């Protein structure tokens, strides 16, 4: 699954030692950019934390897995990101956001669409 939004909170790094060695976990809160924004807490583990280098205020797209577990009759859900990509073309504050720009053949106004395909006599 994928999700794009702005990181609004970087929670403290957690670490410890288990039977498989030393571990570390970082949690973040991302806010989606929809009509009704949602805040979602997700975590990253191990070296992915350093590789992603996520900071508050950055717009990112995360690829993640969702898993729920039962413990003493209650269910707990965890969102674990395995990839985070920073969005490099962030517009300045107040500018509209454009995620797709159609191809243009030249920069002359009115010439922003590709030439029309020639008509053919095929029935389909």
PDB file of N, CA and C in Angstrom:
ATOM      1  N   UNK A   1       0.840  -1.164   0.000  1.00  0.00           N
ATOM      2  CA  UNK A   1       0.000   0.000   0.000  1.00  0.00           C
ATOM      3  C   UNK A   1       0.891   1.235   0.000  1.00  0.00           C
ATOM      4  N   UNK A   2       0.347   2.345  -0.517  1.00  0.00           N
ATOM      5  CA  UNK A   2       1.090   3.599  -0.526  1.00  0.00           C
ATOM      6  C   UNK A   2       0.225   4.737  -0.007  1.00  0.00           C
ATOM      7  N   UNK A   3       0.899   5.737   0.538  1.00  0.00           N
ATOM      8  CA  UNK A   3       0.224   6.885   1.121  1.00  0.00           C
ATOM      9  C   UNK A   3       1.134   8.092   0.991  1.00  0.00           C
ATOM     10  N   UNK A   4       0.580   9.236   0.600  1.00  0.00           N
ATOM     11  CA  UNK A   4       1.354  10.470   0.490  1.00  0.00           C
ATOM     12  C   UNK A   4       0.795  11.489   1.451  1.00  0.00           C
ATOM     13  N   UNK A   5       1.684  12.222   2.119  1.00  0.00           N
ATOM     14  CA  UNK A   5       1.265  13.261   3.043  1.00  0.00           C
ATOM     15  C   UNK A   5       2.453  14.018   3.589  1.00  0.00           C
ATOM     16  N   UNK A   6       2.192  14.857   4.574  1.00  0.00           N
ATOM     17  CA  UNK A   6       3.229  15.673   5.199  1.00  0.00           C
ATOM     18  C   UNK A   6       3.496  15.142   6.601  1.00  0.00           C
ATOM     19  N   UNK A   7       4.772  14.998   6.944  1.00  0.00           N
ATOM     20  CA  UNK A   7       5.164  14.518   8.272  1.00  0.00           C
ATOM     21  C   UNK A   7       4.923  15.659   9.262  1.00  0.00           C
ATOM     22  N   UNK A   8       4.028  15.416  10.233  1.00  0.00           N
ATOM     23  CA  UNK A   8       3.724  16.466  11.211  1.00  0.00           C
ATOM     24  C   UNK A   8       4.375  16.220  12.563  1.00  0.00           C
ATOM     25  N   UNK A   9       4.884  15.000  12.781  1.00  0.00           N
ATOM     26  CA  UNK A   9       5.521  14.699  14.064  1.00  0.00           C
ATOM     27  C   UNK A   9       6.505  13.549  13.899  1.00  0.00           C
ATOM     28  N   UNK A  10       7.692  13.726  14.469  1.00  0.00           N
ATOM     29  CA  UNK A  10       8.683  12.651  14.550  1.00  0.00           C
ATOM     30  C   UNK A  10       8.784  12.295  16.026  1.00  0.00           C
ATOM     31  N   UNK A  11       8.382  11.090  16.369  1.00  0.00           N
ATOM     32  CA  UNK A  11       8.387  10.654  17.763  1.00  0.00           C
ATOM     33  C   UNK A  11       9.774  10.163  18.160  1.00  0.00           C
ATOM     34  N   UNK A  12      10.053  10.083  19.463  1.00  0.00           N
ATOM     35  CA  UNK A  12      11.397   9.681  19.918  1.00  0.00           C
ATOM     36  C   UNK A  12      11.783   8.280  19.439  1.00  0.00           C
ATOM     37  N   UNK A  13      13.073   8.125  19.161  1.00  0.00           N
ATOM     38  CA  UNK A  13      13.632   6.845  18.745  1.00  0.00           C
ATOM     39  C   UNK A  13      13.549   5.858  19.911  1.00  0.00           C
ATOM     40  N   UNK A  14      13.139   4.641  19.623  1.00  0.00           N
ATOM     41  CA  UNK A  14      13.081   3.582  20.630  1.00  0.00           C
ATOM     42  C   UNK A  14      14.113   2.521  20.234  1.00  0.00           C
ATOM     43  N   UNK A  15      14.794   1.966  21.223  1.00  0.00           N
ATOM     44  CA  UNK A  15      15.765   0.906  20.929  1.00  0.00           C
ATOM     45  C   UNK A  15      15.838  -0.051  22.102  1.00  0.00           C
ATOM     46  N   UNK A  16      16.413  -1.182  21.839  1.00  0.00           N
ATOM     47  CA  UNK A  16      16.553  -2.196  22.876  1.00  0.00           C
ATOM     48  C   UNK A  16      17.344  -3.367  22.354  1.00  0.00           C
ATOM     49  N   UNK A  17      17.391  -4.407  23.177  1.00  0.00           N
ATOM     50  CA  UNK A  17      18.103  -5.607  22.781  1.00  0.00           C
ATOM     51  C   UNK A  17      17.185  -6.796  22.997  1.00  0.00           C
ATOM     52  N   UNK A  18      17.042  -7.588  21.957  1.00  0.00           N
ATOM     53  CA  UNK A  18      16.212  -8.786  22.019  1.00  0.00           C
ATOM     54  C   UNK A  18      17.049 -10.015  21.773  1.00  0.00           C
ATOM     55  N   UNK A  19      16.393 -11.143  21.620  1.00  0.00           N
ATOM     56  CA  UNK A  19      17.125 -12.391  21.411  1.00  0.00           C
ATOM     57  C   UNK A  19      17.850 -12.406  20.065  1.00  0.00           C
ATOM     58  N   UNK A  20      17.442 -11.547  19.128  1.00  0.00           N
ATOM     59  CA  UNK A  20      18.103 -11.475  17.819  1.00  0.00           C
ATOM     60  C   UNK A  20      19.113 -10.336  17.735  1.00  0.00           C
ATOM     61  N   UNK A  21      19.371  -9.652  18.827  1.00  0.00           N
ATOM     62  CA  UNK A  21      20.339  -8.563  18.825  1.00  0.00           C
ATOM     63  C   UNK A  21      19.688  -7.215  19.101  1.00  0.00           C
ATOM     64  N   UNK A  22      20.420  -6.163  18.795  1.00  0.00           N
ATOM     65  CA  UNK A  22      19.951  -4.799  19.050  1.00  0.00           C
ATOM     66  C   UNK A  22      18.939  -4.393  17.977  1.00  0.00           C
ATOM     67  N   UNK A  23      17.883  -3.706  18.396  1.00  0.00           N
ATOM     68  CA  UNK A  23      16.864  -3.223  17.475  1.00  0.00           C
ATOM     69  C   UNK A  23      16.599  -1.748  17.739  1.00  0.00           C
ATOM     70  N   UNK A  24      16.072  -1.060  16.724  1.00  0.00           N
ATOM     71  CA  UNK A  24      15.628   0.311  16.911  1.00  0.00           C
ATOM     72  C   UNK A  24      14.396   0.554  16.054  1.00  0.00           C
ATOM     73  N   UNK A  25      13.530   1.422  16.575  1.00  0.00           N
ATOM     74  CA  UNK A  25      12.245   1.701  15.946  1.00  0.00           C
ATOM     75  C   UNK A  25      11.974   3.194  16.051  1.00  0.00           C
ATOM     76  N   UNK A  26      11.504   3.800  14.951  1.00  0.00           N
ATOM     77  CA  UNK A  26      11.157   5.222  14.930  1.00  0.00           C
ATOM     78  C   UNK A  26       9.720   5.334  14.452  1.00  0.00           C
ATOM     79  N   UNK A  27       8.922   6.147  15.148  1.00  0.00           N
ATOM     80  CA  UNK A  27       7.541   6.366  14.739  1.00  0.00           C
ATOM     81  C   UNK A  27       7.372   7.803  14.267  1.00  0.00           C
ATOM     82  N   UNK A  28       6.477   7.967  13.282  1.00  0.00           N
ATOM     83  CA  UNK A  28       6.193   9.257  12.672  1.00  0.00           C
ATOM     84  C   UNK A  28       4.688   9.401  12.537  1.00  0.00           C
ATOM     85  N   UNK A  29       4.219  10.644  12.472  1.00  0.00           N
ATOM     86  CA  UNK A  29       2.807  10.906  12.197  1.00  0.00           C
ATOM     87  C   UNK A  29       2.755  11.672  10.885  1.00  0.00           C
ATOM     88  N   UNK A  30       1.981  11.152   9.946  1.00  0.00           N
ATOM     89  CA  UNK A  30       1.828  11.763   8.631  1.00  0.00           C
ATOM     90  C   UNK A  30       0.382  12.221   8.493  1.00  0.00           C
ATOM     91  N   UNK A  31       0.169  13.365   7.842  1.00  0.00           N
ATOM     92  CA  UNK A  31      -1.184  13.868   7.606  1.00  0.00           C
ATOM     93  C   UNK A  31      -1.430  13.886   6.104  1.00  0.00           C
ATOM     94  N   UNK A  32      -2.508  13.236   5.675  1.00  0.00           N
ATOM     95  CA  UNK A  32      -2.830  13.168   4.256  1.00  0.00           C
ATOM     96  C   UNK A  32      -3.353  14.519   3.789  1.00  0.00           C
ATOM     97  N   UNK A  33      -3.300  14.724   2.479  1.00  0.00           N
ATOM     98  CA  UNK A  33      -3.757  15.990   1.899  1.00  0.00           C
ATOM     99  C   UNK A  33      -5.017  15.721   1.085  1.00  0.00           C
ATOM    100  N   UNK A  34      -6.107  15.471   1.778  1.00  0.00           N
ATOM    101  CA  UNK A  34      -7.391  15.193   1.150  1.00  0.00           C
ATOM    102  C   UNK A  34      -8.378  16.249   1.625  1.00  0.00           C
ATOM    103  N   UNK A  35      -9.605  16.163   1.141  1.00  0.00           N
ATOM    104  CA  UNK A  35     -10.629  17.090   1.608  1.00  0.00           C
ATOM    105  C   UNK A  35     -10.800  16.949   3.121  1.00  0.00           C
ATOM    106  N   UNK A  36     -10.753  15.719   3.607  1.00  0.00           N
ATOM    107  CA  UNK A  36     -10.825  15.451   5.042  1.00  0.00           C
ATOM    108  C   UNK A  36      -9.522  14.756   5.439  1.00  0.00           C
ATOM    109  N   UNK A  37      -8.483  15.528   5.792  1.00  0.00           N
ATOM    110  CA  UNK A  37      -7.170  14.943   6.093  1.00  0.00           C
ATOM    111  C   UNK A  37      -7.229  13.948   7.247  1.00  0.00           C
ATOM    112  N   UNK A  38      -6.399  12.926   7.123  1.00  0.00           N
ATOM    113  CA  UNK A  38      -6.284  11.909   8.165  1.00  0.00           C
ATOM    114  C   UNK A  38      -4.871  11.920   8.705  1.00  0.00           C
ATOM    115  N   UNK A  39      -4.737  11.689   9.992  1.00  0.00           N
ATOM    116  CA  UNK A  39      -3.429  11.563  10.623  1.00  0.00           C
ATOM    117  C   UNK A  39      -3.186  10.095  10.891  1.00  0.00           C
ATOM    118  N   UNK A  40      -2.011   9.615  10.457  1.00  0.00           N
ATOM    119  CA  UNK A  40      -1.689   8.199  10.580  1.00  0.00           C
ATOM    120  C   UNK A  40      -0.296   8.067  11.174  1.00  0.00           C
ATOM    121  N   UNK A  41      -0.188   7.275  12.234  1.00  0.00           N
ATOM    122  CA  UNK A  41       1.101   7.003  12.854  1.00  0.00           C
ATOM    123  C   UNK A  41       1.668   5.739  12.209  1.00  0.00           C
ATOM    124  N   UNK A  42       2.916   5.828  11.737  1.00  0.00           N
ATOM    125  CA  UNK A  42       3.570   4.665  11.160  1.00  0.00           C
ATOM    126  C   UNK A  42       4.962   4.527  11.752  1.00  0.00           C
ATOM    127  N   UNK A  43       5.531   3.349  11.630  1.00  0.00           N
ATOM    128  CA  UNK A  43       6.855   3.100  12.189  1.00  0.00           C
ATOM    129  C   UNK A  43       7.799   2.587  11.118  1.00  0.00           C
ATOM    130  N   UNK A  44       9.087   2.794  11.377  1.00  0.00           N
ATOM    131  CA  UNK A  44      10.155   2.223  10.554  1.00  0.00           C
ATOM    132  C   UNK A  44      11.126   1.543  11.507  1.00  0.00           C
ATOM    133  N   UNK A  45      11.775   0.503  11.022  1.00  0.00           N
ATOM    134  CA  UNK A  45      12.668  -0.294  11.854  1.00  0.00           C
ATOM    135  C   UNK A  45      14.071  -0.323  11.278  1.00  0.00           C
ATOM    136  N   UNK A  46      15.060  -0.442  12.130  1.00  0.00           N
ATOM    137  CA  UNK A  46      16.450  -0.702  11.753  1.00  0.00           C
ATOM    138  C   UNK A  46      17.089   0.353  10.878  1.00  0.00           C
ATOM    139  N   UNK A  47      17.859  -0.118   9.903  1.00  0.00           N
ATOM    140  CA  UNK A  47      18.631   0.794   9.052  1.00  0.00           C
ATOM    141  C   UNK A  47      17.754   1.631   8.142  1.00  0.00           C
ATOM    142  N   UNK A  48      16.503   1.252   7.943  1.00  0.00           N
ATOM    143  CA  UNK A  48      15.588   2.052   7.118  1.00  0.00           C
ATOM    144  C   UNK A  48      15.371   3.442   7.712  1.00  0.00           C
ATOM    145  N   UNK A  49      15.492   3.554   9.021  1.00  0.00           N
ATOM    146  CA  UNK A  49      15.339   4.850   9.697  1.00  0.00           C
ATOM    147  C   UNK A  49      16.406   5.818   9.191  1.00  0.00           C
ATOM    148  N   UNK A  50      17.668   5.373   9.188  1.00  0.00           N
ATOM    149  CA  UNK A  50      18.770   6.222   8.737  1.00  0.00           C
ATOM    150  C   UNK A  50      18.704   6.477   7.235  1.00  0.00           C
ATOM    151  N   UNK A  51      18.329   5.480   6.470  1.00  0.00           N
ATOM    152  CA  UNK A  51      18.252   5.632   5.018  1.00  0.00           C
ATOM    153  C   UNK A  51      17.176   6.644   4.621  1.00  0.00           C
ATOM    154  N   UNK A  52      16.037   6.645   5.310  1.00  0.00           N
ATOM    155  CA  UNK A  52      14.943   7.552   4.971  1.00  0.00           C
ATOM    156  C   UNK A  52      15.217   8.976   5.446  1.00  0.00           C
ATOM    157  N   UNK A  53      15.835   9.133   6.616  1.00  0.00           N
ATOM    158  CA  UNK A  53      16.166  10.446   7.171  1.00  0.00           C
ATOM    159  C   UNK A  53      14.974  11.409   7.100  1.00  0.00           C
ATOM    160  N   UNK A  54      13.846  11.000   7.664  1.00  0.00           N
ATOM    161  CA  UNK A  54      12.605  11.769   7.596  1.00  0.00           C
ATOM    162  C   UNK A  54      12.603  12.872   8.646  1.00  0.00           C
ATOM    163  N   UNK A  55      12.167  14.060   8.219  1.00  0.00           N
ATOM    164  CA  UNK A  55      12.086  15.223   9.108  1.00  0.00           C
ATOM    165  C   UNK A  55      10.677  15.800   9.074  1.00  0.00           C
ATOM    166  N   UNK A  56      10.312  16.507  10.147  1.00  0.00           N
ATOM    167  CA  UNK A  56       9.001  17.146  10.197  1.00  0.00           C
ATOM    168  C   UNK A  56       8.882  18.173   9.071  1.00  0.00           C
ATOM    169  N   UNK A  57       7.677  18.255   8.499  1.00  0.00           N
ATOM    170  CA  UNK A  57       7.397  19.219   7.450  1.00  0.00           C
ATOM    171  C   UNK A  57       7.651  18.711   6.044  1.00  0.00           C
ATOM    172  N   UNK A  58       8.283  17.552   5.904  1.00  0.00           N
ATOM    173  CA  UNK A  58       8.559  17.007   4.578  1.00  0.00           C
ATOM    174  C   UNK A  58       7.333  16.303   4.013  1.00  0.00           C
ATOM    175  N   UNK A  59       7.158  16.424   2.708  1.00  0.00           N
ATOM    176  CA  UNK A  59       6.108  15.681   2.028  1.00  0.00           C
ATOM    177  C   UNK A  59       6.736  14.390   1.527  1.00  0.00           C
ATOM    178  N   UNK A  60       6.141  13.259   1.904  1.00  0.00           N
ATOM    179  CA  UNK A  60       6.698  11.964   1.547  1.00  0.00           C
ATOM    180  C   UNK A  60       5.601  11.024   1.055  1.00  0.00           C
ATOM    181  N   UNK A  61       6.041  10.003   0.359  1.00  0.00           N
ATOM    182  CA  UNK A  61       5.172   8.884  -0.004  1.00  0.00           C
ATOM    183  C   UNK A  61       5.770   7.656   0.652  1.00  0.00           C
ATOM    184  N   UNK A  62       4.953   6.963   1.442  1.00  0.00           N
ATOM    185  CA  UNK A  62       5.435   5.757   2.103  1.00  0.00           C
ATOM    186  C   UNK A  62       4.768   4.528   1.495  1.00  0.00           C
ATOM    187  N   UNK A  63       5.540   3.468   1.422  1.00  0.00           N
ATOM    188  CA  UNK A  63       5.014   2.150   1.072  1.00  0.00           C
ATOM    189  C   UNK A  63       5.019   1.366   2.378  1.00  0.00           C
ATOM    190  N   UNK A  64       3.906   0.736   2.708  1.00  0.00           N
ATOM    191  CA  UNK A  64       3.769   0.152   4.038  1.00  0.00           C
ATOM    192  C   UNK A  64       2.916  -1.100   4.045  1.00  0.00           C
ATOM    193  N   UNK A  65       3.014  -1.814   5.155  1.00  0.00           N
ATOM    194  CA  UNK A  65       2.170  -2.974   5.442  1.00  0.00           C
ATOM    195  C   UNK A  65       1.362  -2.666   6.693  1.00  0.00           C
ATOM    196  N   UNK A  66       0.169  -3.217   6.767  1.00  0.00           N
ATOM    197  CA  UNK A  66      -0.693  -3.062   7.941  1.00  0.00           C
ATOM    198  C   UNK A  66      -0.904  -4.437   8.541  1.00  0.00           C
ATOM    199  N   UNK A  67      -0.740  -4.524   9.863  1.00  0.00           N
ATOM    200  CA  UNK A  67      -0.911  -5.803  10.548  1.00  0.00           C
ATOM    201  C   UNK A  67      -1.626  -5.562  11.876  1.00  0.00           C
ATOM    202  N   UNK A  68      -2.558  -6.434  12.206  1.00  0.00           N
ATOM    203  CA  UNK A  68      -3.266  -6.369  13.487  1.00  0.00           C
ATOM    204  C   UNK A  68      -2.970  -7.620  14.287  1.00  0.00           C
ATOM    205  N   UNK A  69      -2.851  -7.429  15.615  1.00  0.00           N
ATOM    206  CA  UNK A  69      -2.598  -8.550  16.526  1.00  0.00           C
ATOM    207  C   UNK A  69      -3.542  -8.457  17.707  1.00  0.00           C
ATOM    208  N   UNK A  70      -3.882  -9.623  18.230  1.00  0.00           N
ATOM    209  CA  UNK A  70      -4.757  -9.694  19.400  1.00  0.00           C
ATOM    210  C   UNK A  70      -3.912  -9.948  20.644  1.00  0.00           C
ATOM    211  N   UNK A  71      -4.204  -9.198  21.715  1.00  0.00           N
ATOM    212  CA  UNK A  71      -3.516  -9.397  22.991  1.00  0.00           C
ATOM    213  C   UNK A  71      -4.531  -9.207  24.105  1.00  0.00           C
ATOM    214  N   UNK A  72      -4.778 -10.251  24.858  1.00  0.00           N
ATOM    215  CA  UNK A  72      -5.722 -10.250  25.975  1.00  0.00           C
ATOM    216  C   UNK A  72      -7.082  -9.678  25.581  1.00  0.00           C
ATOM    217  N   UNK A  73      -7.588 -10.143  24.435  1.00  0.00           N
ATOM    218  CA  UNK A  73      -8.926  -9.769  23.993  1.00  0.00           C
ATOM    219  C   UNK A  73      -9.019  -8.428  23.282  1.00  0.00           C
ATOM    220  N   UNK A  74      -7.918  -7.689  23.162  1.00  0.00           N
ATOM    221  CA  UNK A  74      -7.922  -6.408  22.452  1.00  0.00           C
ATOM    222  C   UNK A  74      -7.063  -6.542  21.197  1.00  0.00           C
ATOM    223  N   UNK A  75      -7.439  -5.779  20.176  1.00  0.00           N
ATOM    224  CA  UNK A  75      -6.714  -5.812  18.903  1.00  0.00           C
ATOM    225  C   UNK A  75      -5.901  -4.538  18.746  1.00  0.00           C
ATOM    226  N   UNK A  76      -4.665  -4.707  18.281  1.00  0.00           N
ATOM    227  CA  UNK A  76      -3.747  -3.602  18.066  1.00  0.00           C
ATOM    228  C   UNK A  76      -3.276  -3.642  16.615  1.00  0.00           C
ATOM    229  N   UNK A  77      -3.305  -2.485  15.961  1.00  0.00           N
ATOM    230  CA  UNK A  77      -2.916  -2.399  14.559  1.00  0.00           C
ATOM    231  C   UNK A  77      -1.634  -1.602  14.431  1.00  0.00           C
ATOM    232  N   UNK A  78      -0.735  -2.102  13.595  1.00  0.00           N
ATOM    233  CA  UNK A  78       0.549  -1.440  13.377  1.00  0.00           C
ATOM    234  C   UNK A  78       0.722  -1.177  11.884  1.00  0.00           C
ATOM    235  N   UNK A  79       1.151   0.038  11.551  1.00  0.00           N
ATOM    236  CA  UNK A  79       1.460   0.424  10.176  1.00  0.00           C
ATOM    237  C   UNK A  79       2.983   0.520  10.093  1.00  0.00           C
ATOM    238  N   UNK A  80       3.597  -0.384   9.338  1.00  0.00           N
ATOM    239  CA  UNK A  80       5.054  -0.435   9.242  1.00  0.00           C
ATOM    240  C   UNK A  80       5.480  -0.070   7.822  1.00  0.00           C
ATOM    241  N   UNK A  81       6.217   1.038   7.698  1.00  0.00           N
ATOM    242  CA  UNK A  81       6.710   1.483   6.386  1.00  0.00           C
ATOM    243  C   UNK A  81       7.994   0.748   6.052  1.00  0.00           C
ATOM    244  N   UNK A  82       8.106   0.289   4.831  1.00  0.00           N
ATOM    245  CA  UNK A  82       9.322  -0.368   4.378  1.00  0.00           C
ATOM    246  C   UNK A  82      10.034   0.460   3.317  1.00  0.00           C
ATOM    247  N   UNK A  83       9.406   1.582   2.920  1.00  0.00           N
ATOM    248  CA  UNK A  83      10.039   2.488   1.957  1.00  0.00           C
ATOM    249  C   UNK A  83       9.431   3.869   2.140  1.00  0.00           C
ATOM    250  N   UNK A  84      10.267   4.906   2.084  1.00  0.00           N
ATOM    251  CA  UNK A  84       9.805   6.288   2.155  1.00  0.00           C
ATOM    252  C   UNK A  84      10.535   7.096   1.093  1.00  0.00           C
ATOM    253  N   UNK A  85       9.762   7.806   0.273  1.00  0.00           N
ATOM    254  CA  UNK A  85      10.335   8.624  -0.792  1.00  0.00           C
ATOM    255  C   UNK A  85       9.917  10.067  -0.555  1.00  0.00           C
ATOM    256  N   UNK A  86      10.914  10.946  -0.490  1.00  0.00           N
ATOM    257  CA  UNK A  86      10.633  12.369  -0.311  1.00  0.00           C
ATOM    258  C   UNK A  86      10.190  12.950  -1.638  1.00  0.00           C
ATOM    259  N   UNK A  87       9.168  13.796  -1.587  1.00  0.00           N
ATOM    260  CA  UNK A  87       8.666  14.463  -2.778  1.00  0.00           C
ATOM    261  C   UNK A  87       9.536  15.696  -3.000  1.00  0.00           C
ATOM    262  N   UNK A  88      10.335  15.716  -4.079  1.00  0.00           N
ATOM    263  CA  UNK A  88      11.316  16.773  -4.286  1.00  0.00           C
ATOM    264  C   UNK A  88      10.721  18.044  -4.865  1.00  0.00           C
ATOM    265  N   UNK A  89       9.631  17.953  -5.615  1.00  0.00           N
ATOM    266  CA  UNK A  89       9.047  19.143  -6.242  1.00  0.00           C
ATOM    267  C   UNK A  89       7.922  19.698  -5.395  1.00  0.00           C
ATOM    268  N   UNK A  90       8.263  20.167  -4.213  1.00  0.00           N
ATOM    269  CA  UNK A  90       7.250  20.722  -3.328  1.00  0.00           C
ATOM    270  C   UNK A  90       6.984  22.172  -3.704  1.00  0.00           C
ATOM    271  N   UNK A  91       5.718  22.554  -3.917  1.00  0.00           N
ATOM    272  CA  UNK A  91       5.421  23.947  -4.226  1.00  0.00           C
ATOM    273  C   UNK A  91       5.596  24.819  -2.988  1.00  0.00           C
ATOM    274  N   UNK A  92       5.830  26.087  -3.218  1.00  0.00           N
ATOM    275  CA  UNK A  92       5.942  27.027  -2.107  1.00  0.00           C
ATOM    276  C   UNK A  92       4.580  27.180  -1.445  1.00  0.00           C
ATOM    277  N   UNK A  93       4.574  27.687  -0.223  1.00  0.00           N
ATOM    278  CA  UNK A  93       3.324  27.848   0.518  1.00  0.00           C
ATOM    279  C   UNK A  93       2.358  28.707  -0.285  1.00  0.00           C
ATOM    280  N   UNK A  94       1.128  28.270  -0.388  1.00  0.00           N
ATOM    281  CA  UNK A  94       0.097  29.021  -1.089  1.00  0.00           C
ATOM    282  C   UNK A  94      -0.009  28.678  -2.565  1.00  0.00           C
ATOM    283  N   UNK A  95       0.985  28.000  -3.132  1.00  0.00           N
ATOM    284  CA  UNK A  95       0.927  27.614  -4.539  1.00  0.00           C
ATOM    285  C   UNK A  95       0.097  26.350  -4.697  1.00  0.00           C
ATOM    286  N   UNK A  96      -0.632  26.235  -5.801  1.00  0.00           N
ATOM    287  CA  UNK A  96      -1.375  24.988  -6.012  1.00  0.00           C
ATOM    288  C   UNK A  96      -0.406  23.844  -6.267  1.00  0.00           C
ATOM    289  N   UNK A  97      -0.804  22.644  -5.878  1.00  0.00           N
ATOM    290  CA  UNK A  97       0.037  21.471  -6.038  1.00  0.00           C
ATOM    291  C   UNK A  97      -0.317  20.774  -7.337  1.00  0.00           C
ATOM    292  N   UNK A  98       0.695  20.511  -8.167  1.00  0.00           N
ATOM    293  CA  UNK A  98       0.494  19.820  -9.430  1.00  0.00           C
ATOM    294  C   UNK A  98       1.279  18.522  -9.386  1.00  0.00           C
ATOM    295  N   UNK A  99       0.597  17.408  -9.503  1.00  0.00           N
ATOM    296  CA  UNK A  99       1.258  16.117  -9.461  1.00  0.00           C
ATOM    297  C   UNK A  99       1.509  15.565 -10.857  1.00  0.00           C
ATOM    298  N   UNK A 100       0.838  16.104 -11.873  1.00  0.00           N
ATOM    299  CA  UNK A 100       1.018  15.645 -13.232  1.00  0.00           C
ATOM    300  C   UNK A 100       0.946  16.842 -14.152  1.00  0.00           C
ATOM    301  N   UNK A 101       1.890  16.926 -15.057  1.00  0.00           N
ATOM    302  CA  UNK A 101       1.883  17.992 -16.044  1.00  0.00           C
ATOM    303  C   UNK A 101       1.832  17.331 -17.411  1.00  0.00           C
ATOM    304  N   UNK A 102       0.808  17.644 -18.220  1.00  0.00           N
ATOM    305  CA  UNK A 102       0.696  16.988 -19.517  1.00  0.00           C
ATOM    306  C   UNK A 102       1.873  17.353 -20.418  1.00  0.00           C
ATOM    307  N   UNK A 103       2.239  16.457 -21.337  1.00  0.00           N
ATOM    308  CA  UNK A 103       3.359  16.742 -22.238  1.00  0.00           C
ATOM    309  C   UNK A 103       3.021  17.886 -23.178  1.00  0.00           C
ATOM    310  N   UNK A 104       4.037  18.646 -23.546  1.00  0.00           N
ATOM    311  CA  UNK A 104       3.847  19.761 -24.480  1.00  0.00           C
ATOM    312  C   UNK A 104       4.827  19.613 -25.624  1.00  0.00           C
ATOM    313  N   UNK A 105       4.418  20.066 -26.822  1.00  0.00           N
ATOM    314  CA  UNK A 105       5.345  19.997 -27.948  1.00  0.00           C
ATOM    315  C   UNK A 105       6.172  21.261 -28.058  1.00  0.00           C
ATOM    316  N   UNK A 106       5.659  22.383 -27.575  1.00  0.00           N
ATOM    317  CA  UNK A 106       6.446  23.599 -27.440  1.00  0.00           C
ATOM    318  C   UNK A 106       5.780  24.489 -26.400  1.00  0.00           C
ATOM    319  N   UNK A 107       6.409  25.578 -26.068  1.00  0.00           N
ATOM    320  CA  UNK A 107       5.914  26.445 -24.993  1.00  0.00           C
ATOM    321  C   UNK A 107       4.996  27.554 -25.489  1.00  0.00           C
ATOM    322  N   UNK A 108       4.591  27.530 -26.756  1.00  0.00           N
ATOM    323  CA  UNK A 108       3.696  28.545 -27.285  1.00  0.00           C
ATOM    324  C   UNK A 108       2.297  28.309 -26.720  1.00  0.00           C
ATOM    325  N   UNK A 109       1.644  29.367 -26.191  1.00  0.00           N
ATOM    326  CA  UNK A 109       0.286  29.180 -25.660  1.00  0.00           C
ATOM    327  C   UNK A 109      -0.636  28.601 -26.726  1.00  0.00           C
ATOM    328  N   UNK A 110      -1.435  27.651 -26.337  1.00  0.00           N
ATOM    329  CA  UNK A 110      -2.373  27.012 -27.256  1.00  0.00           C
ATOM    330  C   UNK A 110      -1.803  25.787 -27.950  1.00  0.00           C
ATOM    331  N   UNK A 111      -0.485  25.571 -27.876  1.00  0.00           N
ATOM    332  CA  UNK A 111       0.150  24.416 -28.511  1.00  0.00           C
ATOM    333  C   UNK A 111       0.606  23.415 -27.472  1.00  0.00           C
ATOM    334  N   UNK A 112      -0.201  23.187 -26.467  1.00  0.00           N
ATOM    335  CA  UNK A 112       0.224  22.309 -25.392  1.00  0.00           C
ATOM    336  C   UNK A 112      -0.272  20.878 -25.535  1.00  0.00           C
ATOM    337  N   UNK A 113      -0.965  20.570 -26.604  1.00  0.00           N
ATOM    338  CA  UNK A 113      -1.435  19.205 -26.815  1.00  0.00           C
ATOM    339  C   UNK A 113      -0.686  18.583 -27.987  1.00  0.00           C
ATOM    340  N   UNK A 114      -0.508  17.270 -27.948  1.00  0.00           N
ATOM    341  CA  UNK A 114       0.151  16.621 -29.078  1.00  0.00           C
ATOM    342  C   UNK A 114      -0.710  16.737 -30.332  1.00  0.00           C
ATOM    343  N   UNK A 115      -0.107  16.649 -31.510  1.00  0.00           N
ATOM    344  CA  UNK A 115      -0.905  16.757 -32.733  1.00  0.00           C
ATOM    345  C   UNK A 115      -1.925  15.624 -32.801  1.00  0.00           C
ATOM    346  N   UNK A 116      -3.049  15.915 -33.443  1.00  0.00           N
ATOM    347  CA  UNK A 116      -4.099  14.906 -33.571  1.00  0.00           C
ATOM    348  C   UNK A 116      -3.636  13.771 -34.461  1.00  0.00           C
ATOM    349  N   UNK A 117      -4.097  12.566 -34.137  1.00  0.00           N
ATOM    350  CA  UNK A 117      -3.770  11.404 -34.955  1.00  0.00           C
ATOM    351  C   UNK A 117      -4.542  11.490 -36.273  1.00  0.00           C
ATOM    352  N   UNK A 118      -3.929  11.096 -37.376  1.00  0.00           N
ATOM    353  CA  UNK A 118      -4.653  11.142 -38.647  1.00  0.00           C
ATOM    354  C   UNK A 118      -5.813  10.143 -38.610  1.00  0.00           C
ATOM    355  N   UNK A 119      -6.871  10.519 -39.300  1.00  0.00           N
ATOM    356  CA  UNK A 119      -8.031   9.628 -39.358  1.00  0.00           C
ATOM    357  C   UNK A 119      -7.699   8.426 -40.234  1.00  0.00           C
ATOM    358  N   UNK A 120      -8.254   7.286 -39.862  1.00  0.00           N
ATOM    359  CA  UNK A 120      -8.092   6.112 -40.688  1.00  0.00           C
ATOM    360  C   UNK A 120      -9.458   5.510 -40.936  1.00  0.00           C
ATOM    361  N   UNK A 121      -9.525   4.568 -41.825  1.00  0.00           N
ATOM    362  CA  UNK A 121     -10.791   3.965 -42.237  1.00  0.00           C
ATOM    363  C   UNK A 121     -11.124   2.698 -41.458  1.00  0.00           C
ATOM    364  N   UNK A 122     -10.445   2.436 -40.356  1.00  0.00           N
ATOM    365  CA  UNK A 122     -10.707   1.224 -39.601  1.00  0.00           C
ATOM    366  C   UNK A 122     -12.022   1.370 -38.837  1.00  0.00           C
ATOM    367  N   UNK A 123     -12.824   0.306 -38.768  1.00  0.00           N
ATOM    368  CA  UNK A 123     -14.123   0.378 -38.108  1.00  0.00           C
ATOM    369  C   UNK A 123     -14.037   0.342 -36.577  1.00  0.00           C
ATOM    370  N   UNK A 124     -12.869   0.230 -36.001  1.00  0.00           N
ATOM    371  CA  UNK A 124     -12.750   0.164 -34.540  1.00  0.00           C
ATOM    372  C   UNK A 124     -11.785   1.179 -34.018  1.00  0.00           C
TER     373      UNK A 124
END
